[in-house]
């Protein structure tokens, strides 16, 4: 995991407001970095790799595929150093 992912996971593991998250959770052909089944919400931390060739299109297809499964996706941009 990247540093932003580690920091986010450290907070999500505390189950804020009683909401539980899973890490590296498979959903069909996708693996979500963080997933809350109660809220049907996935969280992805987007670093520099998401700016590389072909990645924006893959990310859009992933978002659309998850929406088709009634799962929302929150993308958090990671700081670029």
Protein backbone atom coordinates (compact mmCIF):
# COMPACT_ATOMS: atom_id res chain seq x y z
CA UNK A 1 0.00 0.00 0.00
CA UNK A 2 1.07 3.54 -0.65
CA UNK A 3 1.44 6.00 2.23
CA UNK A 4 -1.92 7.71 1.50
CA UNK A 5 -3.61 4.28 1.47
CA UNK A 6 -1.94 3.31 4.75
CA UNK A 7 -3.06 6.53 6.41
CA UNK A 8 -6.62 6.16 5.16
CA UNK A 9 -6.80 2.49 6.20
CA UNK A 10 -5.56 3.38 9.67
CA UNK A 11 -8.62 5.61 10.08
CA UNK A 12 -11.13 3.32 8.35
CA UNK A 13 -10.12 0.39 10.57
CA UNK A 14 -11.47 2.33 13.54
CA UNK A 15 -14.98 1.85 12.07
CA UNK A 16 -15.98 5.52 12.17
CA UNK A 17 -19.65 5.91 13.15
CA UNK A 18 -19.89 2.11 13.36
CA UNK A 19 -19.31 1.75 9.61
CA UNK A 20 -17.03 -1.17 8.77
CA UNK A 21 -14.71 -1.24 5.78
CA UNK A 22 -12.86 -4.10 4.14
CA UNK A 23 -9.53 -3.80 2.38
CA UNK A 24 -8.77 -5.33 -1.03
CA UNK A 25 -12.33 -6.57 -1.45
CA UNK A 26 -13.24 -8.40 -4.68
CA UNK A 27 -16.40 -7.35 -6.52
CA UNK A 28 -16.83 -9.28 -9.76
CA UNK A 29 -13.79 -8.59 -11.94
CA UNK A 30 -12.71 -5.67 -9.72
CA UNK A 31 -10.77 -5.46 -6.46
CA UNK A 32 -11.62 -2.38 -4.42
CA UNK A 33 -8.94 -0.85 -2.20
CA UNK A 34 -11.57 -0.21 0.48
CA UNK A 35 -15.21 -1.31 0.54
CA UNK A 36 -18.14 -0.79 2.91
CA UNK A 37 -20.87 -3.37 2.24
CA UNK A 38 -23.38 -1.51 4.46
CA UNK A 39 -23.14 1.62 2.33
CA UNK A 40 -22.32 -0.17 -0.95
CA UNK A 41 -19.39 2.22 -1.26
CA UNK A 42 -15.90 1.64 -2.59
CA UNK A 43 -13.00 4.01 -1.98
CA UNK A 44 -10.00 4.25 -4.29
CA UNK A 45 -6.89 6.35 -3.71
CA UNK A 46 -5.68 7.54 -7.11
CA UNK A 47 -1.94 8.18 -7.34
CA UNK A 48 0.33 8.96 -10.28
CA UNK A 49 -0.36 5.61 -11.95
CA UNK A 50 -3.91 6.78 -12.66
CA UNK A 51 -2.58 9.53 -14.93
CA UNK A 52 -0.65 7.12 -17.17
CA UNK A 53 -1.65 6.04 -20.64
CA UNK A 54 -4.96 4.20 -20.77
CA UNK A 55 -5.62 4.47 -17.05
CA UNK A 56 -8.31 7.19 -17.17
CA UNK A 57 -10.33 5.02 -19.55
CA UNK A 58 -9.87 1.95 -17.32
CA UNK A 59 -10.90 3.97 -14.27
CA UNK A 60 -14.05 5.16 -16.05
CA UNK A 61 -14.93 1.59 -17.08
CA UNK A 62 -14.39 0.46 -13.48
CA UNK A 63 -16.65 3.22 -12.13
CA UNK A 64 -19.35 2.34 -14.66
CA UNK A 65 -19.04 -1.39 -13.96
CA UNK A 66 -19.41 -0.86 -10.23
CA UNK A 67 -22.38 1.47 -10.73
CA UNK A 68 -24.01 -1.36 -12.68
CA UNK A 69 -23.69 -3.42 -9.48
CA UNK A 70 -25.23 -0.57 -7.47
CA UNK A 71 -21.90 0.31 -5.82
CA UNK A 72 -20.77 3.91 -5.53
CA UNK A 73 -17.10 4.75 -5.89
CA UNK A 74 -15.31 7.58 -4.15
CA UNK A 75 -11.99 8.48 -5.75
CA UNK A 76 -9.50 10.36 -3.61
CA UNK A 77 -6.56 11.92 -5.45
CA UNK A 78 -3.26 11.18 -3.72
CA UNK A 79 -0.71 13.99 -3.47
CA UNK A 80 1.86 13.85 -6.23
CA UNK A 81 5.40 14.35 -4.99
